[in-house]
């Protein structure tokens, strides 16, 4: 996407991996990538709302293990996402079922580039509203109620715990 002048990447972070990204960008002379260090909590909302699209990279083979917490933050600010993930991962299912963006297979740069190009041309303003509505379902009260219901179910039916 280095020649797509309408597409610019802003990477925020810190650490060894982040420094390596800076080195790679400098070596490849990619002018469509900018870097900003770790953002303080007080500035996080401004950063999250500054983007038109967020890319969430998932590591391969983590479906069923975790959901990146930033996923919910990005939904809450009403931004579409490109999720790099196996299609059976919870976040990927959420994106597809609610029409919140695009899911691409880890390791497939061609799919990622195509999704970013599609997203840059997309004018579906409904994604923002769907994202915010979906994020409302993922709050601490809902999570705690789900945990309590699961514990109640397991206490009533101990054989289920062996199956889970």
N, C-alpha and C. Protein backbone atom coordinates (compact mmCIF):
# COMPACT_ATOMS: atom_id res chain seq x y z
N UNK A 1 0.82 -1.21 0.00
CA UNK A 1 0.00 0.00 0.00
C UNK A 1 0.86 1.27 0.00
N UNK A 2 2.16 1.10 -0.18
CA UNK A 2 3.06 2.25 -0.11
C UNK A 2 2.77 3.30 -1.17
N UNK A 3 2.15 2.93 -2.28
CA UNK A 3 1.86 3.88 -3.34
C UNK A 3 0.44 4.45 -3.27
N UNK A 4 -0.37 3.97 -2.31
CA UNK A 4 -1.72 4.51 -2.14
C UNK A 4 -1.63 5.77 -1.28
N UNK A 5 -1.65 6.91 -1.94
CA UNK A 5 -1.43 8.18 -1.22
C UNK A 5 -2.58 8.54 -0.28
N UNK A 6 -3.73 7.92 -0.46
CA UNK A 6 -4.87 8.20 0.41
C UNK A 6 -4.85 7.38 1.70
N UNK A 7 -3.90 6.46 1.80
CA UNK A 7 -3.84 5.58 2.97
C UNK A 7 -2.57 5.88 3.75
N UNK A 8 -2.76 6.22 5.03
CA UNK A 8 -1.63 6.52 5.91
C UNK A 8 -1.79 5.71 7.20
N UNK A 9 -0.71 5.15 7.66
CA UNK A 9 -0.72 4.33 8.87
C UNK A 9 -0.09 5.10 10.03
N UNK A 10 -0.74 5.06 11.16
CA UNK A 10 -0.20 5.64 12.40
C UNK A 10 -0.05 4.49 13.38
N UNK A 11 1.17 4.24 13.79
CA UNK A 11 1.44 3.15 14.72
C UNK A 11 1.80 3.73 16.07
N UNK A 12 1.15 3.22 17.09
CA UNK A 12 1.40 3.69 18.45
C UNK A 12 1.86 2.51 19.28
N UNK A 13 2.87 2.71 20.09
CA UNK A 13 3.34 1.62 20.93
C UNK A 13 4.65 1.92 21.60
N UNK A 14 5.32 0.84 22.01
CA UNK A 14 6.59 0.93 22.71
C UNK A 14 7.24 -0.45 22.71
N UNK A 15 8.45 -0.52 23.18
CA UNK A 15 9.12 -1.81 23.35
C UNK A 15 9.98 -2.22 22.18
N UNK A 16 10.56 -3.40 22.32
CA UNK A 16 11.50 -3.92 21.33
C UNK A 16 10.84 -4.08 19.97
N UNK A 17 9.66 -4.68 19.92
CA UNK A 17 8.96 -4.87 18.66
C UNK A 17 8.65 -3.56 17.97
N UNK A 18 8.33 -2.56 18.74
CA UNK A 18 8.00 -1.25 18.17
C UNK A 18 9.25 -0.62 17.56
N UNK A 19 10.37 -0.75 18.25
CA UNK A 19 11.62 -0.23 17.71
C UNK A 19 11.98 -0.94 16.41
N UNK A 20 11.72 -2.23 16.34
CA UNK A 20 12.00 -2.99 15.12
C UNK A 20 11.12 -2.49 13.96
N UNK A 21 9.87 -2.17 14.25
CA UNK A 21 8.99 -1.62 13.21
C UNK A 21 9.54 -0.30 12.67
N UNK A 22 10.05 0.53 13.55
CA UNK A 22 10.64 1.81 13.13
C UNK A 22 11.83 1.58 12.21
N UNK A 23 12.65 0.59 12.56
CA UNK A 23 13.81 0.27 11.73
C UNK A 23 13.39 -0.23 10.35
N UNK A 24 12.39 -1.09 10.32
CA UNK A 24 11.90 -1.62 9.05
C UNK A 24 11.32 -0.51 8.17
N UNK A 25 10.56 0.40 8.79
CA UNK A 25 9.97 1.51 8.06
C UNK A 25 11.05 2.41 7.47
N UNK A 26 12.08 2.69 8.26
CA UNK A 26 13.17 3.55 7.78
C UNK A 26 13.93 2.87 6.64
N UNK A 27 14.20 1.58 6.79
CA UNK A 27 14.94 0.85 5.76
C UNK A 27 14.16 0.78 4.45
N UNK A 28 12.85 0.65 4.53
CA UNK A 28 12.02 0.56 3.33
C UNK A 28 11.60 1.93 2.81
N UNK A 29 11.93 2.99 3.56
CA UNK A 29 11.58 4.36 3.18
C UNK A 29 10.09 4.50 2.88
N UNK A 30 9.27 4.07 3.83
CA UNK A 30 7.81 4.13 3.67
C UNK A 30 7.30 5.45 4.25
N UNK A 31 6.91 6.34 3.37
CA UNK A 31 6.47 7.67 3.81
C UNK A 31 5.03 7.68 4.31
N UNK A 32 4.30 6.58 4.12
CA UNK A 32 2.90 6.55 4.54
C UNK A 32 2.74 5.92 5.93
N UNK A 33 3.82 5.89 6.69
CA UNK A 33 3.76 5.36 8.06
C UNK A 33 4.36 6.39 9.01
N UNK A 34 3.61 6.68 10.07
CA UNK A 34 4.10 7.56 11.14
C UNK A 34 4.03 6.80 12.45
N UNK A 35 4.84 7.23 13.40
CA UNK A 35 4.90 6.58 14.70
C UNK A 35 4.63 7.59 15.80
N UNK A 36 3.96 7.12 16.83
CA UNK A 36 3.77 7.90 18.04
C UNK A 36 3.99 6.94 19.21
N UNK A 37 4.63 7.44 20.24
CA UNK A 37 4.91 6.60 21.39
C UNK A 37 3.63 6.21 22.13
N UNK A 38 3.83 5.53 23.23
CA UNK A 38 2.69 5.11 24.04
C UNK A 38 1.90 6.34 24.46
N UNK A 39 0.60 6.22 24.36
CA UNK A 39 -0.29 7.33 24.66
C UNK A 39 -0.80 7.19 26.11
N UNK A 40 -0.77 8.28 26.83
CA UNK A 40 -1.28 8.29 28.21
C UNK A 40 -2.79 8.05 28.21
N UNK A 41 -3.30 7.50 29.29
CA UNK A 41 -4.73 7.22 29.39
C UNK A 41 -5.58 8.45 29.10
N UNK A 42 -5.13 9.61 29.54
CA UNK A 42 -5.90 10.84 29.34
C UNK A 42 -6.00 11.22 27.86
N UNK A 43 -5.10 10.69 27.02
CA UNK A 43 -5.09 11.00 25.59
C UNK A 43 -5.61 9.85 24.73
N UNK A 44 -5.98 8.75 25.37
CA UNK A 44 -6.35 7.55 24.62
C UNK A 44 -7.58 7.76 23.74
N UNK A 45 -8.61 8.37 24.27
CA UNK A 45 -9.83 8.56 23.47
C UNK A 45 -9.55 9.41 22.23
N UNK A 46 -8.74 10.44 22.38
CA UNK A 46 -8.40 11.28 21.23
C UNK A 46 -7.66 10.47 20.17
N UNK A 47 -6.76 9.61 20.59
CA UNK A 47 -6.05 8.76 19.64
C UNK A 47 -7.01 7.79 18.95
N UNK A 48 -7.85 7.14 19.74
CA UNK A 48 -8.76 6.14 19.18
C UNK A 48 -9.73 6.74 18.18
N UNK A 49 -10.19 7.95 18.43
CA UNK A 49 -11.15 8.58 17.53
C UNK A 49 -10.48 9.26 16.34
N UNK A 50 -9.15 9.35 16.34
CA UNK A 50 -8.45 10.03 15.25
C UNK A 50 -8.36 9.19 13.98
N UNK A 51 -8.55 7.90 14.10
CA UNK A 51 -8.41 7.01 12.94
C UNK A 51 -9.75 6.77 12.25
N UNK A 52 -9.68 6.52 10.96
CA UNK A 52 -10.87 6.12 10.21
C UNK A 52 -11.11 4.63 10.32
N UNK A 53 -10.04 3.88 10.57
CA UNK A 53 -10.07 2.42 10.60
C UNK A 53 -8.98 1.94 11.53
N UNK A 54 -9.26 0.89 12.24
CA UNK A 54 -8.25 0.27 13.11
C UNK A 54 -7.96 -1.14 12.63
N UNK A 55 -6.68 -1.48 12.63
CA UNK A 55 -6.25 -2.83 12.30
C UNK A 55 -5.85 -3.50 13.60
N UNK A 56 -6.43 -4.66 13.86
CA UNK A 56 -6.12 -5.39 15.09
C UNK A 56 -5.45 -6.70 14.69
N UNK A 57 -4.15 -6.79 14.90
CA UNK A 57 -3.45 -8.03 14.56
C UNK A 57 -3.57 -9.04 15.70
N UNK A 58 -3.97 -10.21 15.36
CA UNK A 58 -4.10 -11.34 16.28
C UNK A 58 -2.98 -12.30 15.94
N UNK A 59 -2.43 -12.96 16.90
CA UNK A 59 -1.44 -14.00 16.60
C UNK A 59 -2.15 -15.23 16.08
N UNK A 60 -1.47 -15.97 15.24
CA UNK A 60 -2.03 -17.19 14.68
C UNK A 60 -2.22 -18.23 15.79
N UNK A 61 -3.26 -19.03 15.64
CA UNK A 61 -3.57 -20.14 16.56
C UNK A 61 -3.95 -19.70 17.97
N UNK A 62 -4.62 -18.55 18.11
CA UNK A 62 -5.09 -18.15 19.44
C UNK A 62 -6.61 -18.11 19.53
N UNK A 63 -7.29 -18.60 18.51
CA UNK A 63 -8.75 -18.65 18.55
C UNK A 63 -9.17 -19.46 19.77
N UNK A 64 -10.11 -18.92 20.51
CA UNK A 64 -10.60 -19.59 21.71
C UNK A 64 -9.77 -19.33 22.95
N UNK A 65 -8.68 -18.59 22.79
CA UNK A 65 -7.80 -18.32 23.93
C UNK A 65 -8.06 -16.94 24.53
N UNK A 66 -8.13 -15.92 23.66
CA UNK A 66 -8.31 -14.56 24.19
C UNK A 66 -8.88 -13.65 23.11
N UNK A 67 -9.32 -12.49 23.58
CA UNK A 67 -9.76 -11.41 22.70
C UNK A 67 -8.95 -10.19 23.10
N UNK A 68 -8.29 -9.53 22.14
CA UNK A 68 -7.52 -8.34 22.52
C UNK A 68 -8.44 -7.29 23.14
N UNK A 69 -8.09 -6.81 24.32
CA UNK A 69 -8.97 -5.86 25.02
C UNK A 69 -9.17 -4.58 24.22
N UNK A 70 -8.18 -4.22 23.40
CA UNK A 70 -8.33 -3.00 22.60
C UNK A 70 -9.49 -3.12 21.61
N UNK A 71 -9.88 -4.33 21.27
CA UNK A 71 -11.00 -4.55 20.36
C UNK A 71 -12.25 -3.84 20.87
N UNK A 72 -12.54 -3.99 22.14
CA UNK A 72 -13.74 -3.39 22.72
C UNK A 72 -13.63 -1.87 22.80
N UNK A 73 -12.42 -1.36 23.07
CA UNK A 73 -12.21 0.09 23.08
C UNK A 73 -12.50 0.69 21.71
N UNK A 74 -12.06 0.00 20.67
CA UNK A 74 -12.25 0.51 19.31
C UNK A 74 -13.71 0.47 18.90
N UNK A 75 -14.41 -0.57 19.33
CA UNK A 75 -15.85 -0.60 19.06
C UNK A 75 -16.55 0.55 19.76
N UNK A 76 -16.15 0.82 21.00
CA UNK A 76 -16.81 1.86 21.79
C UNK A 76 -16.68 3.25 21.17
N UNK A 77 -15.59 3.50 20.43
CA UNK A 77 -15.45 4.81 19.78
C UNK A 77 -16.03 4.81 18.37
N UNK A 78 -16.63 3.71 17.97
CA UNK A 78 -17.36 3.66 16.71
C UNK A 78 -16.49 3.65 15.47
N UNK A 79 -15.42 2.89 15.52
CA UNK A 79 -14.56 2.78 14.34
C UNK A 79 -14.64 1.37 13.77
N UNK A 80 -14.67 1.27 12.43
CA UNK A 80 -14.61 -0.06 11.83
C UNK A 80 -13.23 -0.67 12.08
N UNK A 81 -13.17 -1.98 12.00
CA UNK A 81 -11.90 -2.67 12.24
C UNK A 81 -11.60 -3.64 11.11
N UNK A 82 -10.31 -3.85 10.89
CA UNK A 82 -9.83 -4.98 10.11
C UNK A 82 -9.16 -5.87 11.14
N UNK A 83 -9.72 -7.02 11.34
CA UNK A 83 -9.21 -7.96 12.33
C UNK A 83 -8.42 -9.04 11.62
N UNK A 84 -7.15 -9.14 11.96
CA UNK A 84 -6.31 -10.20 11.40
C UNK A 84 -6.43 -11.36 12.37
N UNK A 85 -7.21 -12.36 11.97
CA UNK A 85 -7.59 -13.41 12.91
C UNK A 85 -8.13 -14.62 12.18
N UNK A 86 -8.06 -15.75 12.86
CA UNK A 86 -8.75 -16.92 12.34
C UNK A 86 -10.25 -16.65 12.41
N UNK A 87 -11.01 -17.11 11.44
CA UNK A 87 -12.43 -16.78 11.38
C UNK A 87 -13.26 -17.31 12.54
N UNK A 88 -12.78 -18.33 13.26
CA UNK A 88 -13.54 -18.89 14.36
C UNK A 88 -13.26 -18.21 15.70
N UNK A 89 -12.35 -17.24 15.73
CA UNK A 89 -12.05 -16.51 16.97
C UNK A 89 -13.26 -15.67 17.37
N UNK A 90 -13.43 -15.47 18.67
CA UNK A 90 -14.60 -14.73 19.16
C UNK A 90 -14.69 -13.33 18.56
N UNK A 91 -13.57 -12.61 18.51
CA UNK A 91 -13.60 -11.26 17.95
C UNK A 91 -13.99 -11.29 16.47
N UNK A 92 -13.49 -12.27 15.73
CA UNK A 92 -13.84 -12.38 14.31
C UNK A 92 -15.33 -12.65 14.13
N UNK A 93 -15.86 -13.53 14.94
CA UNK A 93 -17.30 -13.80 14.88
C UNK A 93 -18.10 -12.55 15.19
N UNK A 94 -17.65 -11.78 16.16
CA UNK A 94 -18.33 -10.53 16.52
C UNK A 94 -18.31 -9.55 15.36
N UNK A 95 -17.16 -9.42 14.70
CA UNK A 95 -17.04 -8.51 13.55
C UNK A 95 -18.00 -8.92 12.44
N UNK A 96 -18.00 -10.19 12.08
CA UNK A 96 -18.82 -10.67 10.97
C UNK A 96 -20.31 -10.60 11.32
N UNK A 97 -20.69 -11.11 12.49
CA UNK A 97 -22.10 -11.17 12.87
C UNK A 97 -22.73 -9.79 13.00
N UNK A 98 -21.92 -8.78 13.33
CA UNK A 98 -22.47 -7.44 13.56
C UNK A 98 -22.11 -6.44 12.46
N UNK A 99 -21.42 -6.89 11.42
CA UNK A 99 -21.06 -5.99 10.32
C UNK A 99 -20.19 -4.84 10.76
N UNK A 100 -19.09 -5.16 11.47
CA UNK A 100 -18.24 -4.13 12.08
C UNK A 100 -16.95 -3.88 11.31
N UNK A 101 -16.75 -4.58 10.21
CA UNK A 101 -15.52 -4.41 9.46
C UNK A 101 -15.17 -5.66 8.69
N UNK A 102 -13.88 -6.02 8.68
CA UNK A 102 -13.37 -7.09 7.85
C UNK A 102 -12.48 -8.01 8.67
N UNK A 103 -12.50 -9.29 8.33
CA UNK A 103 -11.64 -10.28 8.97
C UNK A 103 -10.74 -10.87 7.90
N UNK A 104 -9.43 -10.89 8.18
CA UNK A 104 -8.48 -11.47 7.24
C UNK A 104 -7.63 -12.52 7.95
N UNK A 105 -7.16 -13.47 7.19
CA UNK A 105 -6.38 -14.58 7.71
C UNK A 105 -4.97 -14.13 8.09
N UNK A 106 -4.48 -14.53 9.28
CA UNK A 106 -3.10 -14.19 9.66
C UNK A 106 -2.11 -14.69 8.60
N UNK A 107 -1.12 -13.87 8.30
CA UNK A 107 -0.10 -14.24 7.33
C UNK A 107 -0.45 -13.95 5.89
N UNK A 108 -1.64 -13.42 5.64
CA UNK A 108 -2.08 -13.14 4.27
C UNK A 108 -2.06 -11.63 4.01
N UNK A 109 -0.87 -11.13 3.67
CA UNK A 109 -0.71 -9.70 3.40
C UNK A 109 -1.61 -9.23 2.26
N UNK A 110 -1.85 -10.10 1.28
CA UNK A 110 -2.71 -9.73 0.16
C UNK A 110 -4.14 -9.47 0.62
N UNK A 111 -4.64 -10.32 1.52
CA UNK A 111 -5.99 -10.11 2.07
C UNK A 111 -6.05 -8.83 2.91
N UNK A 112 -5.00 -8.59 3.69
CA UNK A 112 -4.96 -7.39 4.52
C UNK A 112 -4.98 -6.14 3.65
N UNK A 113 -4.14 -6.11 2.63
CA UNK A 113 -4.11 -4.97 1.72
C UNK A 113 -5.46 -4.76 1.05
N UNK A 114 -6.09 -5.84 0.60
CA UNK A 114 -7.40 -5.73 -0.04
C UNK A 114 -8.46 -5.19 0.92
N UNK A 115 -8.43 -5.67 2.16
CA UNK A 115 -9.40 -5.19 3.15
C UNK A 115 -9.20 -3.71 3.45
N UNK A 116 -7.95 -3.27 3.55
CA UNK A 116 -7.67 -1.86 3.82
C UNK A 116 -8.13 -1.00 2.65
N UNK A 117 -7.87 -1.46 1.43
CA UNK A 117 -8.34 -0.71 0.25
C UNK A 117 -9.87 -0.64 0.23
N UNK A 118 -10.52 -1.76 0.51
CA UNK A 118 -11.99 -1.79 0.54
C UNK A 118 -12.51 -0.83 1.61
N UNK A 119 -11.90 -0.88 2.79
CA UNK A 119 -12.32 -0.02 3.89
C UNK A 119 -12.14 1.45 3.55
N UNK A 120 -11.05 1.78 2.85
CA UNK A 120 -10.79 3.19 2.53
C UNK A 120 -11.82 3.75 1.55
N UNK A 121 -12.43 2.87 0.77
CA UNK A 121 -13.44 3.30 -0.19
C UNK A 121 -14.86 3.15 0.35
N UNK A 122 -15.00 2.52 1.51
CA UNK A 122 -16.32 2.22 2.07
C UNK A 122 -16.94 3.47 2.69
N UNK A 123 -18.19 3.67 2.41
CA UNK A 123 -18.89 4.84 2.95
C UNK A 123 -20.06 4.43 3.82
N UNK A 124 -19.99 3.24 4.42
CA UNK A 124 -21.07 2.74 5.28
C UNK A 124 -20.98 3.40 6.66
N UNK A 125 -21.68 4.49 6.83
CA UNK A 125 -21.71 5.18 8.11
C UNK A 125 -22.37 4.36 9.20
N UNK A 126 -23.07 3.29 8.81
CA UNK A 126 -23.74 2.45 9.79
C UNK A 126 -22.79 1.63 10.64
N UNK A 127 -21.56 1.44 10.19
CA UNK A 127 -20.60 0.66 10.97
C UNK A 127 -20.38 1.32 12.33
N UNK A 128 -20.24 2.63 12.35
CA UNK A 128 -19.99 3.33 13.61
C UNK A 128 -21.11 3.07 14.61
N UNK A 129 -22.34 3.21 14.17
CA UNK A 129 -23.48 2.98 15.08
C UNK A 129 -23.54 1.53 15.53
N UNK A 130 -23.29 0.61 14.60
CA UNK A 130 -23.30 -0.82 14.98
C UNK A 130 -22.18 -1.13 15.96
N UNK A 131 -21.02 -0.51 15.76
CA UNK A 131 -19.89 -0.76 16.65
C UNK A 131 -20.20 -0.30 18.07
N UNK A 132 -20.73 0.90 18.20
CA UNK A 132 -21.06 1.42 19.54
C UNK A 132 -22.13 0.56 20.20
N UNK A 133 -23.14 0.17 19.45
CA UNK A 133 -24.21 -0.67 20.00
C UNK A 133 -23.65 -2.03 20.44
N UNK A 134 -22.77 -2.59 19.65
CA UNK A 134 -22.17 -3.88 19.99
C UNK A 134 -21.30 -3.75 21.24
N UNK A 135 -20.53 -2.68 21.33
CA UNK A 135 -19.65 -2.47 22.49
C UNK A 135 -20.45 -2.39 23.79
N UNK A 136 -21.66 -1.87 23.71
CA UNK A 136 -22.49 -1.76 24.92
C UNK A 136 -22.78 -3.12 25.54
N UNK A 137 -22.75 -4.17 24.73
CA UNK A 137 -22.99 -5.52 25.25
C UNK A 137 -21.81 -6.06 26.05
N UNK A 138 -20.64 -5.45 25.86
CA UNK A 138 -19.43 -5.95 26.52
C UNK A 138 -19.02 -5.00 27.64
N UNK A 139 -19.76 -5.06 28.73
CA UNK A 139 -19.42 -4.23 29.88
C UNK A 139 -19.22 -5.12 31.09
N UNK A 140 -18.74 -4.55 32.18
CA UNK A 140 -18.41 -5.36 33.35
C UNK A 140 -19.64 -6.05 33.95
N UNK A 141 -20.78 -5.38 33.93
CA UNK A 141 -22.00 -5.99 34.49
C UNK A 141 -22.40 -7.23 33.69
N UNK A 142 -22.39 -7.10 32.38
CA UNK A 142 -22.74 -8.24 31.53
C UNK A 142 -21.75 -9.38 31.73
N UNK A 143 -20.46 -9.05 31.79
CA UNK A 143 -19.44 -10.09 31.97
C UNK A 143 -19.61 -10.79 33.32
N UNK A 144 -19.82 -10.03 34.37
CA UNK A 144 -19.97 -10.63 35.70
C UNK A 144 -21.23 -11.50 35.77
N UNK A 145 -22.31 -11.06 35.14
CA UNK A 145 -23.53 -11.87 35.12
C UNK A 145 -23.31 -13.18 34.37
N UNK A 146 -22.53 -13.12 33.28
CA UNK A 146 -22.23 -14.34 32.52
C UNK A 146 -21.38 -15.30 33.35
N UNK A 147 -20.38 -14.76 34.06
CA UNK A 147 -19.55 -15.61 34.93
C UNK A 147 -20.39 -16.24 36.03
N UNK A 148 -21.26 -15.43 36.65
CA UNK A 148 -22.11 -15.95 37.73
C UNK A 148 -23.03 -17.05 37.22
N UNK A 149 -23.59 -16.85 36.03
CA UNK A 149 -24.48 -17.87 35.46
C UNK A 149 -23.71 -19.15 35.16
N UNK A 150 -22.50 -19.03 34.67
CA UNK A 150 -21.68 -20.21 34.39
C UNK A 150 -21.34 -20.95 35.68
N UNK A 151 -20.96 -20.23 36.71
CA UNK A 151 -20.64 -20.85 38.00
C UNK A 151 -21.86 -21.55 38.58
N UNK A 152 -23.01 -20.88 38.52
CA UNK A 152 -24.26 -21.51 38.99
C UNK A 152 -24.55 -22.80 38.23
N UNK A 153 -24.37 -22.75 36.92
CA UNK A 153 -24.63 -23.93 36.09
C UNK A 153 -23.67 -25.07 36.47
N UNK A 154 -22.42 -24.75 36.67
CA UNK A 154 -21.43 -25.78 37.02
C UNK A 154 -21.69 -26.34 38.42
N UNK A 155 -22.14 -25.51 39.34
CA UNK A 155 -22.44 -25.98 40.68
C UNK A 155 -23.66 -26.90 40.68
N UNK A 156 -24.63 -26.58 39.85
CA UNK A 156 -25.83 -27.42 39.75
C UNK A 156 -25.57 -28.70 38.98
N UNK A 157 -24.59 -28.66 38.09
CA UNK A 157 -24.33 -29.78 37.20
C UNK A 157 -22.82 -30.04 37.14
N UNK A 158 -22.23 -30.65 38.16
CA UNK A 158 -20.78 -30.82 38.22
C UNK A 158 -20.19 -31.59 37.03
N UNK A 159 -20.97 -32.43 36.39
CA UNK A 159 -20.46 -33.19 35.25
C UNK A 159 -20.10 -32.28 34.08
N UNK A 160 -20.72 -31.10 34.00
CA UNK A 160 -20.42 -30.16 32.92
C UNK A 160 -18.99 -29.65 33.02
N UNK A 161 -18.47 -29.50 34.23
CA UNK A 161 -17.12 -28.95 34.38
C UNK A 161 -16.09 -29.87 33.74
N UNK A 162 -16.34 -31.16 33.73
CA UNK A 162 -15.41 -32.09 33.09
C UNK A 162 -15.48 -31.96 31.58
N UNK A 163 -16.62 -31.56 31.05
CA UNK A 163 -16.79 -31.41 29.61
C UNK A 163 -16.20 -30.10 29.11
N UNK A 164 -16.11 -29.11 29.97
CA UNK A 164 -15.62 -27.79 29.56
C UNK A 164 -14.17 -27.77 29.69
